[in-house]
């Protein structure tokens, strides 16, 4: 059994770790709330713009706008959103696993990575990473999305890729983060979630309105995905640190029992030695 001094040193070490994990849990919780607020604030505008796009799409010809064109799928582009830091459980590997399920062939799939964990994973294994973005901040400012969307739009218009997908973690609740893949380009026609009740007259024309709107929609789709991913990351880290704090507390309790047991054994040993010494001294006096 370890000595009393060693157990006491171990208790102090685990207590320091517990303070760190508790602090990280609180910081992750605060950042998660801040990111959720930004996400909820952006949803009404994004949803209204999306419904407007769905209303405009039938009024224009797909061939007139390159972002609306549907081509045969030869090359695909995946935008994989992970975190810059670890200590968030299986969050990053779940997103990376979802991305790997989408990649059928390394030669026909290109990647844009957001976050160091995804970047390091795919570059180390020889995947075609054409751009990487790290250190966006939390919550990510909308202006940081512009270079990402610009690369996506340029690659699609040039014909280098025929489809673009977003791979990220969808925030469901504090304990559920669901890896998700959505198609960003080409635009898929669907019915608006909230159809317009009135008929609108668009000026200067539906095609010109949609040309400007499409870029904004793409930016907001990426922005929303990054906020969802960040909220999921902070939630996963908060739960991981909560579990670590609880495990540290359980370990401290176990070490305290071992400490008391070792201390009691030491006291018993000392009393036994004192009794034996006393008996020897008394026998010598006789």
C-alpha atoms as a PDB file:
ATOM      1  CA  UNK A   1       0.000   0.000   0.000  1.00  0.00           C
ATOM      2  CA  UNK A   2       1.148   3.544  -0.803  1.00  0.00           C
ATOM      3  CA  UNK A   3       2.444   5.647   2.071  1.00  0.00           C
ATOM      4  CA  UNK A   4       0.347   8.334   3.758  1.00  0.00           C
ATOM      5  CA  UNK A   5       2.504  11.036   2.148  1.00  0.00           C
ATOM      6  CA  UNK A   6       2.049   9.590  -1.356  1.00  0.00           C
ATOM      7  CA  UNK A   7      -1.731   9.315  -0.941  1.00  0.00           C
ATOM      8  CA  UNK A   8      -1.911  12.883   0.367  1.00  0.00           C
ATOM      9  CA  UNK A   9       0.087  14.107  -2.655  1.00  0.00           C
ATOM     10  CA  UNK A  10      -2.238  12.155  -4.975  1.00  0.00           C
ATOM     11  CA  UNK A  11      -5.323  13.716  -3.348  1.00  0.00           C
ATOM     12  CA  UNK A  12      -3.878  17.193  -3.868  1.00  0.00           C
ATOM     13  CA  UNK A  13      -3.083  16.442  -7.530  1.00  0.00           C
ATOM     14  CA  UNK A  14      -6.593  15.113  -8.270  1.00  0.00           C
ATOM     15  CA  UNK A  15      -8.149  18.087  -6.439  1.00  0.00           C
ATOM     16  CA  UNK A  16      -6.241  20.480  -8.716  1.00  0.00           C
ATOM     17  CA  UNK A  17      -7.451  18.572 -11.785  1.00  0.00           C
ATOM     18  CA  UNK A  18     -11.004  18.737 -10.441  1.00  0.00           C
ATOM     19  CA  UNK A  19     -10.753  22.545 -10.155  1.00  0.00           C
ATOM     20  CA  UNK A  20      -9.571  22.755 -13.784  1.00  0.00           C
ATOM     21  CA  UNK A  21     -12.324  20.510 -15.161  1.00  0.00           C
ATOM     22  CA  UNK A  22     -14.963  22.357 -13.141  1.00  0.00           C
ATOM     23  CA  UNK A  23     -13.743  25.685 -14.550  1.00  0.00           C
ATOM     24  CA  UNK A  24     -13.695  24.307 -18.103  1.00  0.00           C
ATOM     25  CA  UNK A  25     -17.249  23.033 -17.621  1.00  0.00           C
ATOM     26  CA  UNK A  26     -18.451  26.479 -16.576  1.00  0.00           C
ATOM     27  CA  UNK A  27     -16.609  28.234 -19.426  1.00  0.00           C
ATOM     28  CA  UNK A  28     -18.006  25.776 -21.999  1.00  0.00           C
ATOM     29  CA  UNK A  29     -21.523  26.310 -20.630  1.00  0.00           C
ATOM     30  CA  UNK A  30     -21.214  30.107 -20.898  1.00  0.00           C
ATOM     31  CA  UNK A  31     -19.870  29.900 -24.464  1.00  0.00           C
ATOM     32  CA  UNK A  32     -22.631  27.466 -25.436  1.00  0.00           C
ATOM     33  CA  UNK A  33     -25.322  29.893 -24.249  1.00  0.00           C
ATOM     34  CA  UNK A  34     -23.680  32.761 -26.128  1.00  0.00           C
ATOM     35  CA  UNK A  35     -23.451  30.710 -29.331  1.00  0.00           C
ATOM     36  CA  UNK A  36     -27.056  29.513 -29.017  1.00  0.00           C
ATOM     37  CA  UNK A  37     -28.200  33.118 -28.676  1.00  0.00           C
ATOM     38  CA  UNK A  38     -26.411  34.028 -31.917  1.00  0.00           C
ATOM     39  CA  UNK A  39     -27.879  30.961 -33.648  1.00  0.00           C
ATOM     40  CA  UNK A  40     -31.447  31.696 -32.561  1.00  0.00           C
ATOM     41  CA  UNK A  41     -31.078  35.369 -33.547  1.00  0.00           C
ATOM     42  CA  UNK A  42     -30.009  34.410 -37.094  1.00  0.00           C
ATOM     43  CA  UNK A  43     -32.700  31.803 -37.753  1.00  0.00           C
ATOM     44  CA  UNK A  44     -35.686  34.098 -38.580  1.00  0.00           C
ATOM     45  CA  UNK A  45     -33.781  35.990 -41.285  1.00  0.00           C
ATOM     46  CA  UNK A  46     -32.264  32.808 -42.724  1.00  0.00           C
ATOM     47  CA  UNK A  47     -35.645  31.066 -42.829  1.00  0.00           C
ATOM     48  CA  UNK A  48     -37.387  34.011 -44.474  1.00  0.00           C
ATOM     49  CA  UNK A  49     -34.630  34.344 -47.075  1.00  0.00           C
ATOM     50  CA  UNK A  50     -34.785  30.592 -47.762  1.00  0.00           C
ATOM     51  CA  UNK A  51     -38.550  30.704 -48.272  1.00  0.00           C
ATOM     52  CA  UNK A  52     -38.118  33.695 -50.576  1.00  0.00           C
ATOM     53  CA  UNK A  53     -35.586  31.748 -52.625  1.00  0.00           C
ATOM     54  CA  UNK A  54     -37.953  28.789 -52.892  1.00  0.00           C
ATOM     55  CA  UNK A  55     -40.674  31.174 -54.079  1.00  0.00           C
ATOM     56  CA  UNK A  56     -38.374  32.783 -56.656  1.00  0.00           C
ATOM     57  CA  UNK A  57     -36.758  29.638 -58.066  1.00  0.00           C
ATOM     58  CA  UNK A  58     -39.742  28.510 -60.187  1.00  0.00           C
ATOM     59  CA  UNK A  59     -39.902  32.001 -61.733  1.00  0.00           C
ATOM     60  CA  UNK A  60     -36.440  31.759 -63.285  1.00  0.00           C
ATOM     61  CA  UNK A  61     -34.664  29.271 -65.525  1.00  0.00           C
ATOM     62  CA  UNK A  62     -31.943  27.183 -63.936  1.00  0.00           C
ATOM     63  CA  UNK A  63     -29.687  27.486 -66.969  1.00  0.00           C
ATOM     64  CA  UNK A  64     -29.511  31.277 -66.549  1.00  0.00           C
ATOM     65  CA  UNK A  65     -27.675  31.080 -63.239  1.00  0.00           C
ATOM     66  CA  UNK A  66     -24.601  28.849 -62.709  1.00  0.00           C
ATOM     67  CA  UNK A  67     -25.459  28.143 -59.054  1.00  0.00           C
ATOM     68  CA  UNK A  68     -28.816  26.677 -60.091  1.00  0.00           C
ATOM     69  CA  UNK A  69     -27.448  24.352 -62.762  1.00  0.00           C
ATOM     70  CA  UNK A  70     -27.606  20.612 -62.165  1.00  0.00           C
ATOM     71  CA  UNK A  71     -24.738  18.658 -63.710  1.00  0.00           C
ATOM     72  CA  UNK A  72     -23.598  15.075 -63.676  1.00  0.00           C
ATOM     73  CA  UNK A  73     -21.685  14.382 -60.464  1.00  0.00           C
ATOM     74  CA  UNK A  74     -18.010  13.850 -61.220  1.00  0.00           C
ATOM     75  CA  UNK A  75     -16.302  15.696 -58.376  1.00  0.00           C
ATOM     76  CA  UNK A  76     -17.717  16.607 -54.972  1.00  0.00           C
ATOM     77  CA  UNK A  77     -16.721  19.158 -52.356  1.00  0.00           C
ATOM     78  CA  UNK A  78     -17.266  18.553 -48.645  1.00  0.00           C
ATOM     79  CA  UNK A  79     -17.126  21.368 -46.096  1.00  0.00           C
ATOM     80  CA  UNK A  80     -16.252  19.548 -42.849  1.00  0.00           C
ATOM     81  CA  UNK A  81     -16.783  21.561 -39.656  1.00  0.00           C
ATOM     82  CA  UNK A  82     -14.935  20.362 -36.541  1.00  0.00           C
ATOM     83  CA  UNK A  83     -13.358  22.114 -33.547  1.00  0.00           C
ATOM     84  CA  UNK A  84      -9.931  23.647 -32.987  1.00  0.00           C
ATOM     85  CA  UNK A  85      -9.561  21.997 -29.578  1.00  0.00           C
ATOM     86  CA  UNK A  86     -10.146  18.609 -28.036  1.00  0.00           C
ATOM     87  CA  UNK A  87     -11.509  17.560 -24.632  1.00  0.00           C
ATOM     88  CA  UNK A  88     -15.038  17.333 -26.045  1.00  0.00           C
ATOM     89  CA  UNK A  89     -15.651  13.592 -26.037  1.00  0.00           C
ATOM     90  CA  UNK A  90     -16.438  11.945 -29.371  1.00  0.00           C
ATOM     91  CA  UNK A  91     -17.623  15.189 -30.964  1.00  0.00           C
ATOM     92  CA  UNK A  92     -14.882  15.506 -33.590  1.00  0.00           C
ATOM     93  CA  UNK A  93     -14.676  11.813 -34.472  1.00  0.00           C
ATOM     94  CA  UNK A  94     -18.449  11.647 -34.988  1.00  0.00           C
ATOM     95  CA  UNK A  95     -18.273  14.488 -37.542  1.00  0.00           C
ATOM     96  CA  UNK A  96     -15.189  12.996 -39.210  1.00  0.00           C
ATOM     97  CA  UNK A  97     -16.923   9.612 -39.370  1.00  0.00           C
ATOM     98  CA  UNK A  98     -19.934  11.228 -41.063  1.00  0.00           C
ATOM     99  CA  UNK A  99     -17.594  12.857 -43.606  1.00  0.00           C
ATOM    100  CA  UNK A 100     -15.843   9.557 -44.314  1.00  0.00           C
ATOM    101  CA  UNK A 101     -19.216   7.948 -45.047  1.00  0.00           C
ATOM    102  CA  UNK A 102     -19.800  10.599 -47.722  1.00  0.00           C
ATOM    103  CA  UNK A 103     -16.411  10.058 -49.375  1.00  0.00           C
ATOM    104  CA  UNK A 104     -16.596   7.187 -51.823  1.00  0.00           C
ATOM    105  CA  UNK A 105     -13.356   7.943 -53.640  1.00  0.00           C
ATOM    106  CA  UNK A 106     -10.421  10.125 -52.535  1.00  0.00           C
ATOM    107  CA  UNK A 107      -9.732  11.173 -56.121  1.00  0.00           C
ATOM    108  CA  UNK A 108     -13.179  12.658 -56.756  1.00  0.00           C
ATOM    109  CA  UNK A 109     -13.746  14.322 -53.394  1.00  0.00           C
ATOM    110  CA  UNK A 110     -12.242  17.642 -52.306  1.00  0.00           C
ATOM    111  CA  UNK A 111     -12.467  19.081 -48.804  1.00  0.00           C
ATOM    112  CA  UNK A 112     -12.648  22.443 -47.093  1.00  0.00           C
ATOM    113  CA  UNK A 113     -11.984  22.003 -43.382  1.00  0.00           C
ATOM    114  CA  UNK A 114     -13.166  24.358 -40.654  1.00  0.00           C
ATOM    115  CA  UNK A 115     -11.322  23.543 -37.436  1.00  0.00           C
ATOM    116  CA  UNK A 116      -7.878  22.106 -36.678  1.00  0.00           C
ATOM    117  CA  UNK A 117      -9.061  18.620 -35.731  1.00  0.00           C
ATOM    118  CA  UNK A 118     -10.655  17.886 -39.102  1.00  0.00           C
ATOM    119  CA  UNK A 119      -7.777  19.543 -40.982  1.00  0.00           C
ATOM    120  CA  UNK A 120      -5.125  17.473 -39.212  1.00  0.00           C
ATOM    121  CA  UNK A 121      -7.060  14.224 -39.675  1.00  0.00           C
ATOM    122  CA  UNK A 122      -7.624  14.556 -43.417  1.00  0.00           C
ATOM    123  CA  UNK A 123      -4.242  16.057 -44.344  1.00  0.00           C
ATOM    124  CA  UNK A 124      -2.432  13.318 -42.406  1.00  0.00           C
ATOM    125  CA  UNK A 125      -4.296  10.666 -44.425  1.00  0.00           C
ATOM    126  CA  UNK A 126      -3.708  12.198 -47.818  1.00  0.00           C
ATOM    127  CA  UNK A 127      -7.144  13.651 -48.630  1.00  0.00           C
ATOM    128  CA  UNK A 128      -7.421  16.622 -51.004  1.00  0.00           C
ATOM    129  CA  UNK A 129      -7.886  19.583 -48.664  1.00  0.00           C
ATOM    130  CA  UNK A 130      -8.109  22.669 -50.896  1.00  0.00           C
ATOM    131  CA  UNK A 131      -8.660  25.188 -48.071  1.00  0.00           C
ATOM    132  CA  UNK A 132      -8.597  25.300 -44.285  1.00  0.00           C
ATOM    133  CA  UNK A 133     -10.026  27.730 -41.751  1.00  0.00           C
ATOM    134  CA  UNK A 134      -9.177  27.844 -38.053  1.00  0.00           C
ATOM    135  CA  UNK A 135      -9.588  30.223 -35.129  1.00  0.00           C
ATOM    136  CA  UNK A 136     -12.950  31.648 -36.171  1.00  0.00           C
ATOM    137  CA  UNK A 137     -13.864  32.621 -32.611  1.00  0.00           C
ATOM    138  CA  UNK A 138     -16.970  31.727 -30.658  1.00  0.00           C
ATOM    139  CA  UNK A 139     -19.537  32.555 -31.743  1.00  0.00           C
ATOM    140  CA  UNK A 140     -18.035  32.945 -35.203  1.00  0.00           C
ATOM    141  CA  UNK A 141     -18.549  36.440 -36.692  1.00  0.00           C
ATOM    142  CA  UNK A 142     -20.558  36.453 -39.910  1.00  0.00           C
ATOM    143  CA  UNK A 143     -17.758  38.241 -41.788  1.00  0.00           C
ATOM    144  CA  UNK A 144     -15.527  35.170 -41.345  1.00  0.00           C
ATOM    145  CA  UNK A 145     -17.916  33.169 -43.567  1.00  0.00           C
ATOM    146  CA  UNK A 146     -17.262  35.259 -46.699  1.00  0.00           C
ATOM    147  CA  UNK A 147     -13.957  33.615 -47.744  1.00  0.00           C
ATOM    148  CA  UNK A 148     -15.436  30.138 -47.228  1.00  0.00           C
ATOM    149  CA  UNK A 149     -18.504  30.862 -49.365  1.00  0.00           C
ATOM    150  CA  UNK A 150     -16.362  32.576 -52.015  1.00  0.00           C
ATOM    151  CA  UNK A 151     -14.186  29.485 -52.484  1.00  0.00           C
ATOM    152  CA  UNK A 152     -17.284  27.262 -52.686  1.00  0.00           C
ATOM    153  CA  UNK A 153     -18.982  29.489 -55.270  1.00  0.00           C
ATOM    154  CA  UNK A 154     -15.806  29.833 -57.372  1.00  0.00           C
ATOM    155  CA  UNK A 155     -15.143  26.088 -57.415  1.00  0.00           C
ATOM    156  CA  UNK A 156     -18.739  25.330 -58.413  1.00  0.00           C
ATOM    157  CA  UNK A 157     -18.971  28.011 -61.125  1.00  0.00           C
ATOM    158  CA  UNK A 158     -15.623  26.959 -62.644  1.00  0.00           C
ATOM    159  CA  UNK A 159     -16.892  23.391 -62.872  1.00  0.00           C
ATOM    160  CA  UNK A 160     -14.170  21.980 -60.623  1.00  0.00           C
ATOM    161  CA  UNK A 161     -16.899  20.430 -58.449  1.00  0.00           C
ATOM    162  CA  UNK A 162     -20.447  19.424 -59.327  1.00  0.00           C
ATOM    163  CA  UNK A 163     -21.930  19.315 -55.821  1.00  0.00           C
ATOM    164  CA  UNK A 164     -21.157  20.825 -52.427  1.00  0.00           C
ATOM    165  CA  UNK A 165     -22.159  19.334 -49.085  1.00  0.00           C
ATOM    166  CA  UNK A 166     -21.872  20.592 -45.507  1.00  0.00           C
ATOM    167  CA  UNK A 167     -20.867  18.084 -42.833  1.00  0.00           C
ATOM    168  CA  UNK A 168     -21.326  19.333 -39.272  1.00  0.00           C
ATOM    169  CA  UNK A 169     -22.831  18.472 -35.892  1.00  0.00           C
ATOM    170  CA  UNK A 170     -26.434  19.547 -35.449  1.00  0.00           C
ATOM    171  CA  UNK A 171     -27.233  20.788 -31.947  1.00  0.00           C
ATOM    172  CA  UNK A 172     -30.309  18.978 -30.587  1.00  0.00           C
ATOM    173  CA  UNK A 173     -29.827  19.322 -26.837  1.00  0.00           C
ATOM    174  CA  UNK A 174     -27.086  19.417 -24.223  1.00  0.00           C
ATOM    175  CA  UNK A 175     -26.734  15.634 -24.407  1.00  0.00           C
ATOM    176  CA  UNK A 176     -27.527  15.056 -28.102  1.00  0.00           C
ATOM    177  CA  UNK A 177     -25.387  16.344 -30.977  1.00  0.00           C
ATOM    178  CA  UNK A 178     -26.235  14.710 -34.293  1.00  0.00           C
ATOM    179  CA  UNK A 179     -23.668  14.509 -37.159  1.00  0.00           C
ATOM    180  CA  UNK A 180     -25.478  15.850 -40.222  1.00  0.00           C
ATOM    181  CA  UNK A 181     -24.864  16.219 -43.970  1.00  0.00           C
ATOM    182  CA  UNK A 182     -26.826  18.700 -46.080  1.00  0.00           C
ATOM    183  CA  UNK A 183     -26.474  19.535 -49.765  1.00  0.00           C
ATOM    184  CA  UNK A 184     -25.540  23.164 -50.354  1.00  0.00           C
ATOM    185  CA  UNK A 185     -25.137  23.137 -54.156  1.00  0.00           C
ATOM    186  CA  UNK A 186     -26.707  22.636 -56.581  1.00  0.00           C
ATOM    187  CA  UNK A 187     -29.873  24.203 -55.219  1.00  0.00           C
ATOM    188  CA  UNK A 188     -32.619  21.617 -54.720  1.00  0.00           C
ATOM    189  CA  UNK A 189     -36.195  22.650 -55.379  1.00  0.00           C
ATOM    190  CA  UNK A 190     -38.528  22.052 -52.456  1.00  0.00           C
ATOM    191  CA  UNK A 191     -41.694  23.523 -51.037  1.00  0.00           C
ATOM    192  CA  UNK A 192     -41.280  26.448 -48.614  1.00  0.00           C
ATOM    193  CA  UNK A 193     -41.912  25.574 -44.975  1.00  0.00           C
ATOM    194  CA  UNK A 194     -44.059  28.718 -44.718  1.00  0.00           C
ATOM    195  CA  UNK A 195     -45.471  29.489 -48.180  1.00  0.00           C
ATOM    196  CA  UNK A 196     -46.207  33.098 -49.010  1.00  0.00           C
ATOM    197  CA  UNK A 197     -49.929  33.866 -48.954  1.00  0.00           C
ATOM    198  CA  UNK A 198     -49.604  36.853 -51.292  1.00  0.00           C
ATOM    199  CA  UNK A 199     -48.144  37.211 -54.769  1.00  0.00           C
ATOM    200  CA  UNK A 200     -45.170  39.543 -54.983  1.00  0.00           C
ATOM    201  CA  UNK A 201     -43.890  41.633 -57.864  1.00  0.00           C
ATOM    202  CA  UNK A 202     -40.092  41.534 -57.899  1.00  0.00           C
ATOM    203  CA  UNK A 203     -38.020  44.482 -59.052  1.00  0.00           C
ATOM    204  CA  UNK A 204     -35.873  44.660 -61.092  1.00  0.00           C
ATOM    205  CA  UNK A 205     -36.654  40.982 -61.983  1.00  0.00           C
ATOM    206  CA  UNK A 206     -36.829  37.556 -60.294  1.00  0.00           C
ATOM    207  CA  UNK A 207     -33.581  36.446 -61.956  1.00  0.00           C
ATOM    208  CA  UNK A 208     -31.648  39.507 -60.716  1.00  0.00           C
ATOM    209  CA  UNK A 209     -33.097  39.222 -57.229  1.00  0.00           C
ATOM    210  CA  UNK A 210     -32.249  35.535 -57.025  1.00  0.00           C
ATOM    211  CA  UNK A 211     -28.711  36.182 -58.286  1.00  0.00           C
ATOM    212  CA  UNK A 212     -27.999  38.328 -55.226  1.00  0.00           C
ATOM    213  CA  UNK A 213     -30.055  36.215 -52.856  1.00  0.00           C
ATOM    214  CA  UNK A 214     -28.325  32.928 -53.675  1.00  0.00           C
ATOM    215  CA  UNK A 215     -24.950  34.141 -52.410  1.00  0.00           C
ATOM    216  CA  UNK A 216     -26.523  35.334 -49.149  1.00  0.00           C
ATOM    217  CA  UNK A 217     -28.354  32.029 -48.719  1.00  0.00           C
ATOM    218  CA  UNK A 218     -25.121  30.081 -49.167  1.00  0.00           C
ATOM    219  CA  UNK A 219     -23.399  32.317 -46.603  1.00  0.00           C
ATOM    220  CA  UNK A 220     -26.195  31.903 -44.087  1.00  0.00           C
ATOM    221  CA  UNK A 221     -26.308  28.139 -44.567  1.00  0.00           C
ATOM    222  CA  UNK A 222     -22.580  27.941 -43.785  1.00  0.00           C
ATOM    223  CA  UNK A 223     -22.938  30.422 -40.904  1.00  0.00           C
ATOM    224  CA  UNK A 224     -25.798  28.443 -39.347  1.00  0.00           C
ATOM    225  CA  UNK A 225     -23.866  25.168 -39.715  1.00  0.00           C
ATOM    226  CA  UNK A 226     -20.818  26.654 -37.977  1.00  0.00           C
ATOM    227  CA  UNK A 227     -22.944  28.010 -35.111  1.00  0.00           C
ATOM    228  CA  UNK A 228     -24.707  24.645 -34.765  1.00  0.00           C
ATOM    229  CA  UNK A 229     -21.310  22.926 -34.696  1.00  0.00           C
ATOM    230  CA  UNK A 230     -19.903  25.346 -32.117  1.00  0.00           C
ATOM    231  CA  UNK A 231     -22.932  24.954 -29.869  1.00  0.00           C
ATOM    232  CA  UNK A 232     -22.545  21.169 -30.157  1.00  0.00           C
ATOM    233  CA  UNK A 233     -18.822  21.409 -29.393  1.00  0.00           C
ATOM    234  CA  UNK A 234     -19.337  23.461 -26.231  1.00  0.00           C
ATOM    235  CA  UNK A 235     -22.179  21.206 -25.123  1.00  0.00           C
ATOM    236  CA  UNK A 236     -20.037  18.092 -25.657  1.00  0.00           C
ATOM    237  CA  UNK A 237     -17.115  19.698 -23.797  1.00  0.00           C
ATOM    238  CA  UNK A 238     -19.384  20.789 -20.947  1.00  0.00           C
ATOM    239  CA  UNK A 239     -20.674  17.220 -20.522  1.00  0.00           C
ATOM    240  CA  UNK A 240     -17.176  15.733 -20.841  1.00  0.00           C
ATOM    241  CA  UNK A 241     -15.816  18.091 -18.182  1.00  0.00           C
ATOM    242  CA  UNK A 242     -18.837  17.406 -15.962  1.00  0.00           C
ATOM    243  CA  UNK A 243     -18.107  13.671 -16.150  1.00  0.00           C
ATOM    244  CA  UNK A 244     -14.410  14.325 -15.501  1.00  0.00           C
ATOM    245  CA  UNK A 245     -15.264  16.439 -12.448  1.00  0.00           C
ATOM    246  CA  UNK A 246     -17.539  13.714 -11.072  1.00  0.00           C
ATOM    247  CA  UNK A 247     -14.877  11.055 -11.676  1.00  0.00           C
ATOM    248  CA  UNK A 248     -12.294  13.210  -9.902  1.00  0.00           C
ATOM    249  CA  UNK A 249     -14.652  13.623  -6.932  1.00  0.00           C
ATOM    250  CA  UNK A 250     -15.194   9.839  -6.763  1.00  0.00           C
ATOM    251  CA  UNK A 251     -11.436   9.260  -6.953  1.00  0.00           C
ATOM    252  CA  UNK A 252     -10.828  11.783  -4.164  1.00  0.00           C
ATOM    253  CA  UNK A 253     -13.345  10.007  -1.931  1.00  0.00           C
ATOM    254  CA  UNK A 254     -11.642   6.680  -2.633  1.00  0.00           C
ATOM    255  CA  UNK A 255      -8.213   8.169  -1.901  1.00  0.00           C
ATOM    256  CA  UNK A 256      -9.484   9.694   1.367  1.00  0.00           C
ATOM    257  CA  UNK A 257     -10.613   6.221   2.485  1.00  0.00           C
ATOM    258  CA  UNK A 258      -7.196   4.827   1.552  1.00  0.00           C
ATOM    259  CA  UNK A 259      -5.536   7.730   3.376  1.00  0.00           C
ATOM    260  CA  UNK A 260      -7.546   7.112   6.554  1.00  0.00           C
ATOM    261  CA  UNK A 261      -6.843   3.394   6.355  1.00  0.00           C
ATOM    262  CA  UNK A 262      -3.109   3.928   5.871  1.00  0.00           C
ATOM    263  CA  UNK A 263      -3.037   6.491   8.681  1.00  0.00           C
ATOM    264  CA  UNK A 264      -4.913   4.127  11.002  1.00  0.00           C
ATOM    265  CA  UNK A 265      -2.509   1.308  10.158  1.00  0.00           C
ATOM    266  CA  UNK A 266       0.430   3.621  10.866  1.00  0.00           C
ATOM    267  CA  UNK A 267      -0.980   4.619  14.244  1.00  0.00           C
ATOM    268  CA  UNK A 268      -1.691   0.994  15.121  1.00  0.00           C
ATOM    269  CA  UNK A 269       1.845   0.033  14.129  1.00  0.00           C
ATOM    270  CA  UNK A 270       3.326   2.814  16.278  1.00  0.00           C
ATOM    271  CA  UNK A 271       1.197   1.788  19.296  1.00  0.00           C
ATOM    272  CA  UNK A 272       2.253  -1.823  18.838  1.00  0.00           C
ATOM    273  CA  UNK A 273       5.922  -0.816  18.719  1.00  0.00           C
ATOM    274  CA  UNK A 274       5.517   1.356  21.821  1.00  0.00           C
ATOM    275  CA  UNK A 275       3.799  -1.488  23.720  1.00  0.00           C
ATOM    276  CA  UNK A 276       6.509  -3.946  22.683  1.00  0.00           C
ATOM    277  CA  UNK A 277       9.283  -1.520  23.681  1.00  0.00           C
ATOM    278  CA  UNK A 278       7.663  -0.898  27.068  1.00  0.00           C
ATOM    279  CA  UNK A 279       7.327  -4.626  27.706  1.00  0.00           C
ATOM    280  CA  UNK A 280      11.002  -5.208  26.834  1.00  0.00           C
ATOM    281  CA  UNK A 281      12.145  -2.374  29.144  1.00  0.00           C
ATOM    282  CA  UNK A 282      10.073  -3.697  32.053  1.00  0.00           C
ATOM    283  CA  UNK A 283      11.397  -7.220  31.579  1.00  0.00           C
ATOM    284  CA  UNK A 284      14.997  -5.911  31.639  1.00  0.00           C
ATOM    285  CA  UNK A 285      14.370  -4.053  34.934  1.00  0.00           C
ATOM    286  CA  UNK A 286      13.344  -7.291  36.577  1.00  0.00           C
END
